[in-house]
Amino acid sequence: MKIKYYPDTDTLYIEFNDNRIVETRELDSFMLIDVDEQDSVCAMTVERASQRANMPEIVFNIPSQKAGERVAA
């Protein structure tokens, strides 16, 4: 996953995978999604991101292990 923020345009771009995009769909005036051939979401664009998200910061929670994987003691 890649997250890019462009402060000059207040645009947030979230890329979930690098599948080939075949269509971009407008969800509303400020949000677009890109889908692949299987109709899976590949990416999302949010215009006016700071206003839409209404958050002063971005917080990431990145797990240190994969789901179901055990940590050695």
C-alpha atoms as a PDB file:
ATOM      1  CA  MET A   1       0.000   0.000   0.000  1.00  0.00           C
ATOM      2  CA  LYS A   2       1.201   3.480  -0.846  1.00  0.00           C
ATOM      3  CA  ILE A   3      -0.232   6.697   0.546  1.00  0.00           C
ATOM      4  CA  LYS A   4       0.615  10.024  -1.039  1.00  0.00           C
ATOM      5  CA  TYR A   5      -0.583  13.466  -0.017  1.00  0.00           C
ATOM      6  CA  TYR A   6      -0.204  16.465  -2.307  1.00  0.00           C
ATOM      7  CA  PRO A   7      -0.511  19.615  -0.155  1.00  0.00           C
ATOM      8  CA  ASP A   8      -0.547  21.989  -3.138  1.00  0.00           C
ATOM      9  CA  THR A   9      -3.859  20.482  -4.313  1.00  0.00           C
ATOM     10  CA  ASP A  10      -4.982  19.008  -0.944  1.00  0.00           C
ATOM     11  CA  THR A  11      -5.292  15.612  -2.627  1.00  0.00           C
ATOM     12  CA  LEU A  12      -4.835  12.235  -0.934  1.00  0.00           C
ATOM     13  CA  TYR A  13      -4.021   9.203  -3.093  1.00  0.00           C
ATOM     14  CA  ILE A  14      -4.126   5.702  -1.593  1.00  0.00           C
ATOM     15  CA  GLU A  15      -2.864   2.841  -3.739  1.00  0.00           C
ATOM     16  CA  PHE A  16      -3.886  -0.593  -2.475  1.00  0.00           C
ATOM     17  CA  ASN A  17      -2.140  -2.659  -5.144  1.00  0.00           C
ATOM     18  CA  ASP A  18      -0.442  -2.244  -8.515  1.00  0.00           C
ATOM     19  CA  ASN A  19      -3.051  -4.072 -10.602  1.00  0.00           C
ATOM     20  CA  ARG A  20      -3.815  -2.608 -14.008  1.00  0.00           C
ATOM     21  CA  ILE A  21      -6.566  -0.010 -13.662  1.00  0.00           C
ATOM     22  CA  VAL A  22      -9.354  -0.382 -16.214  1.00  0.00           C
ATOM     23  CA  GLU A  23     -11.853   2.164 -14.895  1.00  0.00           C
ATOM     24  CA  THR A  24     -12.068   5.191 -12.627  1.00  0.00           C
ATOM     25  CA  ARG A  25     -15.397   5.756 -10.888  1.00  0.00           C
ATOM     26  CA  GLU A  26     -16.614   8.938  -9.264  1.00  0.00           C
ATOM     27  CA  LEU A  27     -18.227   8.240  -5.893  1.00  0.00           C
ATOM     28  CA  ASP A  28     -19.055  11.893  -5.303  1.00  0.00           C
ATOM     29  CA  SER A  29     -17.663  15.305  -6.281  1.00  0.00           C
ATOM     30  CA  PHE A  30     -14.448  14.765  -4.320  1.00  0.00           C
ATOM     31  CA  MET A  31     -13.816  11.006  -4.250  1.00  0.00           C
ATOM     32  CA  LEU A  32     -12.728   8.623  -7.014  1.00  0.00           C
ATOM     33  CA  ILE A  33     -11.882   4.925  -7.024  1.00  0.00           C
ATOM     34  CA  ASP A  34      -9.820   3.009  -9.563  1.00  0.00           C
ATOM     35  CA  VAL A  35     -10.818  -0.599 -10.266  1.00  0.00           C
ATOM     36  CA  ASP A  36      -9.147  -3.500 -12.079  1.00  0.00           C
ATOM     37  CA  GLU A  37     -10.570  -6.112 -14.456  1.00  0.00           C
ATOM     38  CA  GLN A  38     -12.056  -8.094 -11.535  1.00  0.00           C
ATOM     39  CA  ASP A  39     -13.815  -4.946 -10.272  1.00  0.00           C
ATOM     40  CA  SER A  40     -11.514  -4.825  -7.222  1.00  0.00           C
ATOM     41  CA  VAL A  41     -10.539  -1.434  -5.852  1.00  0.00           C
ATOM     42  CA  CYS A  42      -6.899  -0.640  -6.688  1.00  0.00           C
ATOM     43  CA  ALA A  43      -6.719   2.964  -5.530  1.00  0.00           C
ATOM     44  CA  MET A  44      -8.687   5.856  -4.097  1.00  0.00           C
ATOM     45  CA  THR A  45      -8.323   9.596  -4.659  1.00  0.00           C
ATOM     46  CA  VAL A  46      -9.747  12.101  -2.189  1.00  0.00           C
ATOM     47  CA  GLU A  47      -9.880  15.760  -3.256  1.00  0.00           C
ATOM     48  CA  ARG A  48     -10.019  18.417  -0.514  1.00  0.00           C
ATOM     49  CA  ALA A  49      -8.651  15.702   1.750  1.00  0.00           C
ATOM     50  CA  SER A  50      -7.977  17.878   4.799  1.00  0.00           C
ATOM     51  CA  GLN A  51     -11.597  19.079   4.782  1.00  0.00           C
ATOM     52  CA  ARG A  52     -13.137  15.684   4.002  1.00  0.00           C
ATOM     53  CA  ALA A  53     -11.120  13.715   6.532  1.00  0.00           C
ATOM     54  CA  ASN A  54     -11.344  16.438   9.197  1.00  0.00           C
ATOM     55  CA  MET A  55      -8.233  15.199  10.923  1.00  0.00           C
ATOM     56  CA  PRO A  56      -5.082  17.020  11.984  1.00  0.00           C
ATOM     57  CA  GLU A  57      -2.818  13.973  11.557  1.00  0.00           C
ATOM     58  CA  ILE A  58      -2.570  10.548   9.998  1.00  0.00           C
ATOM     59  CA  VAL A  59      -1.963   7.584  12.300  1.00  0.00           C
ATOM     60  CA  PHE A  60      -0.715   4.255  10.972  1.00  0.00           C
ATOM     61  CA  ASN A  61      -1.111   0.927  12.724  1.00  0.00           C
ATOM     62  CA  ILE A  62       1.238  -1.513  11.042  1.00  0.00           C
ATOM     63  CA  PRO A  63       1.221  -4.951  12.680  1.00  0.00           C
ATOM     64  CA  SER A  64       4.610  -6.553  13.212  1.00  0.00           C
ATOM     65  CA  GLN A  65       3.337  -9.959  12.137  1.00  0.00           C
ATOM     66  CA  LYS A  66       0.917 -11.450   9.648  1.00  0.00           C
ATOM     67  CA  ALA A  67      -2.504 -12.587  10.794  1.00  0.00           C
ATOM     68  CA  GLY A  68      -2.280 -16.073  12.289  1.00  0.00           C
ATOM     69  CA  GLU A  69       1.515 -15.945  12.556  1.00  0.00           C
ATOM     70  CA  ARG A  70       2.918 -16.692  16.009  1.00  0.00           C
ATOM     71  CA  VAL A  71       5.652 -14.683  17.626  1.00  0.00           C
ATOM     72  CA  ALA A  72       8.572 -16.702  18.995  1.00  0.00           C
ATOM     73  CA  ALA A  73       9.131 -16.277  22.728  1.00  0.00           C
END
